[in-house]
């Protein structure tokens, strides 16, 4: 399990990610403001099926480095 935390002004953002298997992860996100949790979201996300064919999108950073990326589909969210 990996925990990402960020504090900006008076808001702390926390994202916890746990890998279930090679293509699935569980996540939990929330913000802490004035000691209380808000905007809590949790669920399961899976890599898009195209991942298995080796196709991936690209992201070019400001430093001109190019990174491969794959999008997760959040099955916990309602359309």
PDB file of N, CA and C in Angstrom:
ATOM      1  N   UNK A   1       0.843  -1.161   0.000  1.00  0.00           N
ATOM      2  CA  UNK A   1       0.000   0.000   0.000  1.00  0.00           C
ATOM      3  C   UNK A   1       0.900   1.240   0.000  1.00  0.00           C
ATOM      4  N   UNK A   2       0.493   2.241  -0.777  1.00  0.00           N
ATOM      5  CA  UNK A   2       1.248   3.491  -0.868  1.00  0.00           C
ATOM      6  C   UNK A   2       0.329   4.634  -0.462  1.00  0.00           C
ATOM      7  N   UNK A   3       0.845   5.550   0.340  1.00  0.00           N
ATOM      8  CA  UNK A   3       0.070   6.707   0.778  1.00  0.00           C
ATOM      9  C   UNK A   3       0.749   7.971   0.250  1.00  0.00           C
ATOM     10  N   UNK A   4      -0.032   8.779  -0.465  1.00  0.00           N
ATOM     11  CA  UNK A   4       0.433  10.077  -0.958  1.00  0.00           C
ATOM     12  C   UNK A   4      -0.264  11.152  -0.132  1.00  0.00           C
ATOM     13  N   UNK A   5       0.504  12.134   0.350  1.00  0.00           N
ATOM     14  CA  UNK A   5      -0.078  13.211   1.147  1.00  0.00           C
ATOM     15  C   UNK A   5       0.433  14.546   0.641  1.00  0.00           C
ATOM     16  N   UNK A   6      -0.458  15.526   0.659  1.00  0.00           N
ATOM     17  CA  UNK A   6      -0.087  16.868   0.213  1.00  0.00           C
ATOM     18  C   UNK A   6      -0.860  17.863   1.070  1.00  0.00           C
ATOM     19  N   UNK A   7      -0.170  18.894   1.522  1.00  0.00           N
ATOM     20  CA  UNK A   7      -0.823  19.949   2.291  1.00  0.00           C
ATOM     21  C   UNK A   7      -0.667  21.256   1.545  1.00  0.00           C
ATOM     22  N   UNK A   8      -1.811  21.908   1.325  1.00  0.00           N
ATOM     23  CA  UNK A   8      -1.809  23.207   0.658  1.00  0.00           C
ATOM     24  C   UNK A   8      -2.713  24.129   1.448  1.00  0.00           C
ATOM     25  N   UNK A   9      -2.147  25.201   1.943  1.00  0.00           N
ATOM     26  CA  UNK A   9      -2.863  26.131   2.823  1.00  0.00           C
ATOM     27  C   UNK A   9      -3.412  25.354   4.000  1.00  0.00           C
ATOM     28  N   UNK A  10      -4.717  25.316   4.181  1.00  0.00           N
ATOM     29  CA  UNK A  10      -5.295  24.643   5.341  1.00  0.00           C
ATOM     30  C   UNK A  10      -5.935  23.304   4.979  1.00  0.00           C
ATOM     31  N   UNK A  11      -5.633  22.780   3.788  1.00  0.00           N
ATOM     32  CA  UNK A  11      -6.220  21.528   3.328  1.00  0.00           C
ATOM     33  C   UNK A  11      -5.148  20.468   3.142  1.00  0.00           C
ATOM     34  N   UNK A  12      -5.350  19.316   3.777  1.00  0.00           N
ATOM     35  CA  UNK A  12      -4.456  18.175   3.595  1.00  0.00           C
ATOM     36  C   UNK A  12      -5.172  17.164   2.701  1.00  0.00           C
ATOM     37  N   UNK A  13      -4.516  16.736   1.625  1.00  0.00           N
ATOM     38  CA  UNK A  13      -5.071  15.747   0.709  1.00  0.00           C
ATOM     39  C   UNK A  13      -4.341  14.427   0.914  1.00  0.00           C
ATOM     40  N   UNK A  14      -5.101  13.328   1.008  1.00  0.00           N
ATOM     41  CA  UNK A  14      -4.526  12.013   1.256  1.00  0.00           C
ATOM     42  C   UNK A  14      -5.080  11.030   0.234  1.00  0.00           C
ATOM     43  N   UNK A  15      -4.184  10.329  -0.452  1.00  0.00           N
ATOM     44  CA  UNK A  15      -4.562   9.291  -1.408  1.00  0.00           C
ATOM     45  C   UNK A  15      -3.825   8.014  -1.034  1.00  0.00           C
ATOM     46  N   UNK A  16      -4.584   6.946  -0.789  1.00  0.00           N
ATOM     47  CA  UNK A  16      -4.016   5.643  -0.491  1.00  0.00           C
ATOM     48  C   UNK A  16      -4.316   4.718  -1.658  1.00  0.00           C
ATOM     49  N   UNK A  17      -3.286   4.039  -2.171  1.00  0.00           N
ATOM     50  CA  UNK A  17      -3.429   3.146  -3.317  1.00  0.00           C
ATOM     51  C   UNK A  17      -2.871   1.782  -2.936  1.00  0.00           C
ATOM     52  N   UNK A  18      -3.660   0.737  -3.223  1.00  0.00           N
ATOM     53  CA  UNK A  18      -3.232  -0.638  -2.947  1.00  0.00           C
ATOM     54  C   UNK A  18      -3.416  -1.469  -4.214  1.00  0.00           C
ATOM     55  N   UNK A  19      -2.356  -2.117  -4.657  1.00  0.00           N
ATOM     56  CA  UNK A  19      -2.444  -2.978  -5.834  1.00  0.00           C
ATOM     57  C   UNK A  19      -3.082  -4.299  -5.439  1.00  0.00           C
ATOM     58  N   UNK A  20      -4.153  -4.675  -6.170  1.00  0.00           N
ATOM     59  CA  UNK A  20      -4.847  -5.931  -5.920  1.00  0.00           C
ATOM     60  C   UNK A  20      -4.203  -7.044  -6.735  1.00  0.00           C
ATOM     61  N   UNK A  21      -3.978  -6.769  -8.020  1.00  0.00           N
ATOM     62  CA  UNK A  21      -3.272  -7.700  -8.897  1.00  0.00           C
ATOM     63  C   UNK A  21      -2.578  -6.879  -9.980  1.00  0.00           C
ATOM     64  N   UNK A  22      -2.165  -7.498 -11.072  1.00  0.00           N
ATOM     65  CA  UNK A  22      -1.380  -6.815 -12.094  1.00  0.00           C
ATOM     66  C   UNK A  22      -2.112  -5.636 -12.729  1.00  0.00           C
ATOM     67  N   UNK A  23      -3.436  -5.696 -12.825  1.00  0.00           N
ATOM     68  CA  UNK A  23      -4.166  -4.650 -13.534  1.00  0.00           C
ATOM     69  C   UNK A  23      -5.259  -3.964 -12.702  1.00  0.00           C
ATOM     70  N   UNK A  24      -5.361  -4.278 -11.421  1.00  0.00           N
ATOM     71  CA  UNK A  24      -6.427  -3.723 -10.587  1.00  0.00           C
ATOM     72  C   UNK A  24      -5.845  -3.086  -9.331  1.00  0.00           C
ATOM     73  N   UNK A  25      -6.425  -1.956  -8.916  1.00  0.00           N
ATOM     74  CA  UNK A  25      -6.012  -1.332  -7.667  1.00  0.00           C
ATOM     75  C   UNK A  25      -7.216  -0.818  -6.910  1.00  0.00           C
ATOM     76  N   UNK A  26      -7.049  -0.696  -5.602  1.00  0.00           N
ATOM     77  CA  UNK A  26      -8.057  -0.096  -4.732  1.00  0.00           C
ATOM     78  C   UNK A  26      -7.514   1.252  -4.289  1.00  0.00           C
ATOM     79  N   UNK A  27      -8.406   2.231  -4.155  1.00  0.00           N
ATOM     80  CA  UNK A  27      -7.950   3.544  -3.732  1.00  0.00           C
ATOM     81  C   UNK A  27      -8.896   4.135  -2.699  1.00  0.00           C
ATOM     82  N   UNK A  28      -8.372   5.060  -1.919  1.00  0.00           N
ATOM     83  CA  UNK A  28      -9.152   5.832  -0.958  1.00  0.00           C
ATOM     84  C   UNK A  28      -8.579   7.245  -0.967  1.00  0.00           C
ATOM     85  N   UNK A  29      -9.448   8.232  -1.197  1.00  0.00           N
ATOM     86  CA  UNK A  29      -9.022   9.635  -1.240  1.00  0.00           C
ATOM     87  C   UNK A  29      -9.895  10.447  -0.298  1.00  0.00           C
ATOM     88  N   UNK A  30      -9.280  11.372   0.416  1.00  0.00           N
ATOM     89  CA  UNK A  30     -10.050  12.305   1.233  1.00  0.00           C
ATOM     90  C   UNK A  30      -9.217  13.544   1.496  1.00  0.00           C
ATOM     91  N   UNK A  31      -9.897  14.596   1.942  1.00  0.00           N
ATOM     92  CA  UNK A  31      -9.250  15.840   2.320  1.00  0.00           C
ATOM     93  C   UNK A  31      -9.571  16.104   3.783  1.00  0.00           C
ATOM     94  N   UNK A  32      -8.623  16.706   4.474  1.00  0.00           N
ATOM     95  CA  UNK A  32      -8.833  17.076   5.869  1.00  0.00           C
ATOM     96  C   UNK A  32      -8.793  18.596   5.951  1.00  0.00           C
ATOM     97  N   UNK A  33      -9.906  19.175   6.417  1.00  0.00           N
ATOM     98  CA  UNK A  33     -10.013  20.618   6.602  1.00  0.00           C
ATOM     99  C   UNK A  33     -10.554  20.867   8.001  1.00  0.00           C
ATOM    100  N   UNK A  34      -9.841  21.654   8.766  1.00  0.00           N
ATOM    101  CA  UNK A  34     -10.242  21.955  10.147  1.00  0.00           C
ATOM    102  C   UNK A  34     -10.496  20.687  10.959  1.00  0.00           C
ATOM    103  N   UNK A  35      -9.677  19.669  10.753  1.00  0.00           N
ATOM    104  CA  UNK A  35      -9.766  18.431  11.521  1.00  0.00           C
ATOM    105  C   UNK A  35     -10.840  17.460  11.075  1.00  0.00           C
ATOM    106  N   UNK A  36     -11.596  17.798  10.022  1.00  0.00           N
ATOM    107  CA  UNK A  36     -12.652  16.912   9.552  1.00  0.00           C
ATOM    108  C   UNK A  36     -12.401  16.421   8.132  1.00  0.00           C
ATOM    109  N   UNK A  37     -12.839  15.192   7.828  1.00  0.00           N
ATOM    110  CA  UNK A  37     -12.692  14.614   6.485  1.00  0.00           C
ATOM    111  C   UNK A  37     -13.803  15.124   5.576  1.00  0.00           C
ATOM    112  N   UNK A  38     -13.427  15.504   4.349  1.00  0.00           N
ATOM    113  CA  UNK A  38     -14.409  15.881   3.339  1.00  0.00           C
ATOM    114  C   UNK A  38     -13.997  15.255   2.009  1.00  0.00           C
ATOM    115  N   UNK A  39     -14.907  15.264   1.051  1.00  0.00           N
ATOM    116  CA  UNK A  39     -14.635  14.755  -0.308  1.00  0.00           C
ATOM    117  C   UNK A  39     -14.061  13.341  -0.315  1.00  0.00           C
ATOM    118  N   UNK A  40     -14.544  12.490   0.553  1.00  0.00           N
ATOM    119  CA  UNK A  40     -14.013  11.117   0.606  1.00  0.00           C
ATOM    120  C   UNK A  40     -14.545  10.301  -0.565  1.00  0.00           C
ATOM    121  N   UNK A  41     -13.634   9.619  -1.236  1.00  0.00           N
ATOM    122  CA  UNK A  41     -13.977   8.743  -2.359  1.00  0.00           C
ATOM    123  C   UNK A  41     -13.128   7.488  -2.235  1.00  0.00           C
ATOM    124  N   UNK A  42     -13.737   6.358  -2.528  1.00  0.00           N
ATOM    125  CA  UNK A  42     -12.996   5.105  -2.497  1.00  0.00           C
ATOM    126  C   UNK A  42     -13.587   4.161  -3.520  1.00  0.00           C
ATOM    127  N   UNK A  43     -12.768   3.228  -3.973  1.00  0.00           N
ATOM    128  CA  UNK A  43     -13.271   2.290  -4.956  1.00  0.00           C
ATOM    129  C   UNK A  43     -12.180   1.416  -5.536  1.00  0.00           C
ATOM    130  N   UNK A  44     -12.521   0.797  -6.658  1.00  0.00           N
ATOM    131  CA  UNK A  44     -11.627  -0.107  -7.375  1.00  0.00           C
ATOM    132  C   UNK A  44     -11.495   0.397  -8.799  1.00  0.00           C
ATOM    133  N   UNK A  45     -10.299   0.349  -9.340  1.00  0.00           N
ATOM    134  CA  UNK A  45     -10.061   0.774 -10.723  1.00  0.00           C
ATOM    135  C   UNK A  45      -9.221  -0.284 -11.426  1.00  0.00           C
ATOM    136  N   UNK A  46      -9.467  -0.443 -12.734  1.00  0.00           N
ATOM    137  CA  UNK A  46      -8.739  -1.429 -13.538  1.00  0.00           C
ATOM    138  C   UNK A  46      -8.146  -0.762 -14.768  1.00  0.00           C
ATOM    139  N   UNK A  47      -7.014  -1.314 -15.229  1.00  0.00           N
ATOM    140  CA  UNK A  47      -6.427  -0.814 -16.470  1.00  0.00           C
ATOM    141  C   UNK A  47      -7.370  -1.085 -17.634  1.00  0.00           C
ATOM    142  N   UNK A  48      -7.381  -0.176 -18.609  1.00  0.00           N
ATOM    143  CA  UNK A  48      -8.196  -0.409 -19.796  1.00  0.00           C
ATOM    144  C   UNK A  48      -7.736  -1.684 -20.477  1.00  0.00           C
ATOM    145  N   UNK A  49      -8.653  -2.436 -21.104  1.00  0.00           N
ATOM    146  CA  UNK A  49      -8.292  -3.701 -21.754  1.00  0.00           C
ATOM    147  C   UNK A  49      -7.208  -3.563 -22.822  1.00  0.00           C
ATOM    148  N   UNK A  50      -7.091  -2.409 -23.452  1.00  0.00           N
ATOM    149  CA  UNK A  50      -6.071  -2.205 -24.497  1.00  0.00           C
ATOM    150  C   UNK A  50      -4.660  -2.369 -23.921  1.00  0.00           C
ATOM    151  N   UNK A  51      -4.535  -2.265 -22.598  1.00  0.00           N
ATOM    152  CA  UNK A  51      -3.250  -2.442 -21.930  1.00  0.00           C
ATOM    153  C   UNK A  51      -2.599  -3.777 -22.297  1.00  0.00           C
ATOM    154  N   UNK A  52      -3.416  -4.823 -22.432  1.00  0.00           N
ATOM    155  CA  UNK A  52      -2.883  -6.151 -22.694  1.00  0.00           C
ATOM    156  C   UNK A  52      -2.248  -6.271 -24.075  1.00  0.00           C
ATOM    157  N   UNK A  53      -2.536  -5.338 -24.968  1.00  0.00           N
ATOM    158  CA  UNK A  53      -1.940  -5.351 -26.306  1.00  0.00           C
ATOM    159  C   UNK A  53      -0.654  -4.521 -26.367  1.00  0.00           C
ATOM    160  N   UNK A  54      -0.274  -3.923 -25.257  1.00  0.00           N
ATOM    161  CA  UNK A  54       0.964  -3.161 -25.202  1.00  0.00           C
ATOM    162  C   UNK A  54       0.832  -1.728 -25.677  1.00  0.00           C
ATOM    163  N   UNK A  55      -0.382  -1.292 -26.008  1.00  0.00           N
ATOM    164  CA  UNK A  55      -0.578   0.097 -26.434  1.00  0.00           C
ATOM    165  C   UNK A  55      -0.663   0.978 -25.204  1.00  0.00           C
ATOM    166  N   UNK A  56      -0.031   2.115 -25.252  1.00  0.00           N
ATOM    167  CA  UNK A  56      -0.118   3.047 -24.134  1.00  0.00           C
ATOM    168  C   UNK A  56      -0.073   4.472 -24.650  1.00  0.00           C
ATOM    169  N   UNK A  57      -0.634   5.349 -23.891  1.00  0.00           N
ATOM    170  CA  UNK A  57      -0.570   6.766 -24.227  1.00  0.00           C
ATOM    171  C   UNK A  57       0.783   7.320 -23.838  1.00  0.00           C
ATOM    172  N   UNK A  58       1.049   8.547 -24.191  1.00  0.00           N
ATOM    173  CA  UNK A  58       2.317   9.173 -23.826  1.00  0.00           C
ATOM    174  C   UNK A  58       2.061  10.505 -23.154  1.00  0.00           C
ATOM    175  N   UNK A  59       2.961  10.878 -22.290  1.00  0.00           N
ATOM    176  CA  UNK A  59       2.923  12.157 -21.606  1.00  0.00           C
ATOM    177  C   UNK A  59       4.299  12.781 -21.733  1.00  0.00           C
ATOM    178  N   UNK A  60       4.350  13.998 -22.227  1.00  0.00           N
ATOM    179  CA  UNK A  60       5.636  14.682 -22.373  1.00  0.00           C
ATOM    180  C   UNK A  60       5.727  15.758 -21.306  1.00  0.00           C
ATOM    181  N   UNK A  61       6.714  15.649 -20.448  1.00  0.00           N
ATOM    182  CA  UNK A  61       6.904  16.597 -19.359  1.00  0.00           C
ATOM    183  C   UNK A  61       7.602  17.850 -19.871  1.00  0.00           C
ATOM    184  N   UNK A  62       7.611  18.874 -19.032  1.00  0.00           N
ATOM    185  CA  UNK A  62       8.255  20.138 -19.401  1.00  0.00           C
ATOM    186  C   UNK A  62       9.739  19.960 -19.691  1.00  0.00           C
ATOM    187  N   UNK A  63      10.362  18.962 -19.090  1.00  0.00           N
ATOM    188  CA  UNK A  63      11.791  18.733 -19.310  1.00  0.00           C
ATOM    189  C   UNK A  63      12.055  17.915 -20.569  1.00  0.00           C
ATOM    190  N   UNK A  64      11.008  17.743 -21.393  1.00  0.00           N
ATOM    191  CA  UNK A  64      11.070  17.051 -22.677  1.00  0.00           C
ATOM    192  C   UNK A  64      11.261  15.543 -22.555  1.00  0.00           C
ATOM    193  N   UNK A  65      11.136  15.001 -21.353  1.00  0.00           N
ATOM    194  CA  UNK A  65      11.135  13.554 -21.181  1.00  0.00           C
ATOM    195  C   UNK A  65       9.751  13.028 -21.521  1.00  0.00           C
ATOM    196  N   UNK A  66       9.696  11.852 -22.117  1.00  0.00           N
ATOM    197  CA  UNK A  66       8.426  11.254 -22.500  1.00  0.00           C
ATOM    198  C   UNK A  66       8.197  10.003 -21.653  1.00  0.00           C
ATOM    199  N   UNK A  67       7.001   9.906 -21.102  1.00  0.00           N
ATOM    200  CA  UNK A  67       6.656   8.806 -20.216  1.00  0.00           C
ATOM    201  C   UNK A  67       5.464   8.042 -20.779  1.00  0.00           C
ATOM    202  N   UNK A  68       5.494   6.723 -20.671  1.00  0.00           N
ATOM    203  CA  UNK A  68       4.341   5.921 -21.055  1.00  0.00           C
ATOM    204  C   UNK A  68       3.314   5.952 -19.941  1.00  0.00           C
ATOM    205  N   UNK A  69       2.037   5.859 -20.294  1.00  0.00           N
ATOM    206  CA  UNK A  69       0.999   5.852 -19.272  1.00  0.00           C
ATOM    207  C   UNK A  69      -0.186   5.034 -19.744  1.00  0.00           C
ATOM    208  N   UNK A  70      -0.907   4.492 -18.807  1.00  0.00           N
ATOM    209  CA  UNK A  70      -2.132   3.747 -19.079  1.00  0.00           C
ATOM    210  C   UNK A  70      -3.217   4.273 -18.163  1.00  0.00           C
ATOM    211  N   UNK A  71      -4.431   4.360 -18.666  1.00  0.00           N
ATOM    212  CA  UNK A  71      -5.555   4.910 -17.905  1.00  0.00           C
ATOM    213  C   UNK A  71      -6.280   3.784 -17.171  1.00  0.00           C
ATOM    214  N   UNK A  72      -6.599   4.044 -15.907  1.00  0.00           N
ATOM    215  CA  UNK A  72      -7.411   3.118 -15.126  1.00  0.00           C
ATOM    216  C   UNK A  72      -8.879   3.484 -15.280  1.00  0.00           C
ATOM    217  N   UNK A  73      -9.747   2.500 -15.342  1.00  0.00           N
ATOM    218  CA  UNK A  73     -11.182   2.691 -15.415  1.00  0.00           C
ATOM    219  C   UNK A  73     -11.730   2.480 -14.003  1.00  0.00           C
ATOM    220  N   UNK A  74     -12.433   3.480 -13.487  1.00  0.00           N
ATOM    221  CA  UNK A  74     -12.968   3.407 -12.136  1.00  0.00           C
ATOM    222  C   UNK A  74     -14.347   2.766 -12.177  1.00  0.00           C
ATOM    223  N   UNK A  75     -14.433   1.510 -11.799  1.00  0.00           N
ATOM    224  CA  UNK A  75     -15.691   0.785 -11.807  1.00  0.00           C
ATOM    225  C   UNK A  75     -16.579   1.142 -10.625  1.00  0.00           C
ATOM    226  N   UNK A  76     -16.070   1.941  -9.688  1.00  0.00           N
ATOM    227  CA  UNK A  76     -16.842   2.320  -8.511  1.00  0.00           C
ATOM    228  C   UNK A  76     -17.692   3.548  -8.764  1.00  0.00           C
ATOM    229  N   UNK A  77     -17.365   4.329  -9.778  1.00  0.00           N
ATOM    230  CA  UNK A  77     -18.072   5.570 -10.074  1.00  0.00           C
ATOM    231  C   UNK A  77     -19.283   5.303 -10.941  1.00  0.00           C
ATOM    232  N   UNK A  78     -20.326   6.054 -10.702  1.00  0.00           N
ATOM    233  CA  UNK A  78     -21.517   5.982 -11.554  1.00  0.00           C
ATOM    234  C   UNK A  78     -21.327   6.947 -12.708  1.00  0.00           C
ATOM    235  N   UNK A  79     -21.776   6.583 -13.873  1.00  0.00           N
ATOM    236  CA  UNK A  79     -21.624   7.431 -15.067  1.00  0.00           C
ATOM    237  C   UNK A  79     -22.302   8.760 -14.853  1.00  0.00           C
TER     238      UNK A  79
END
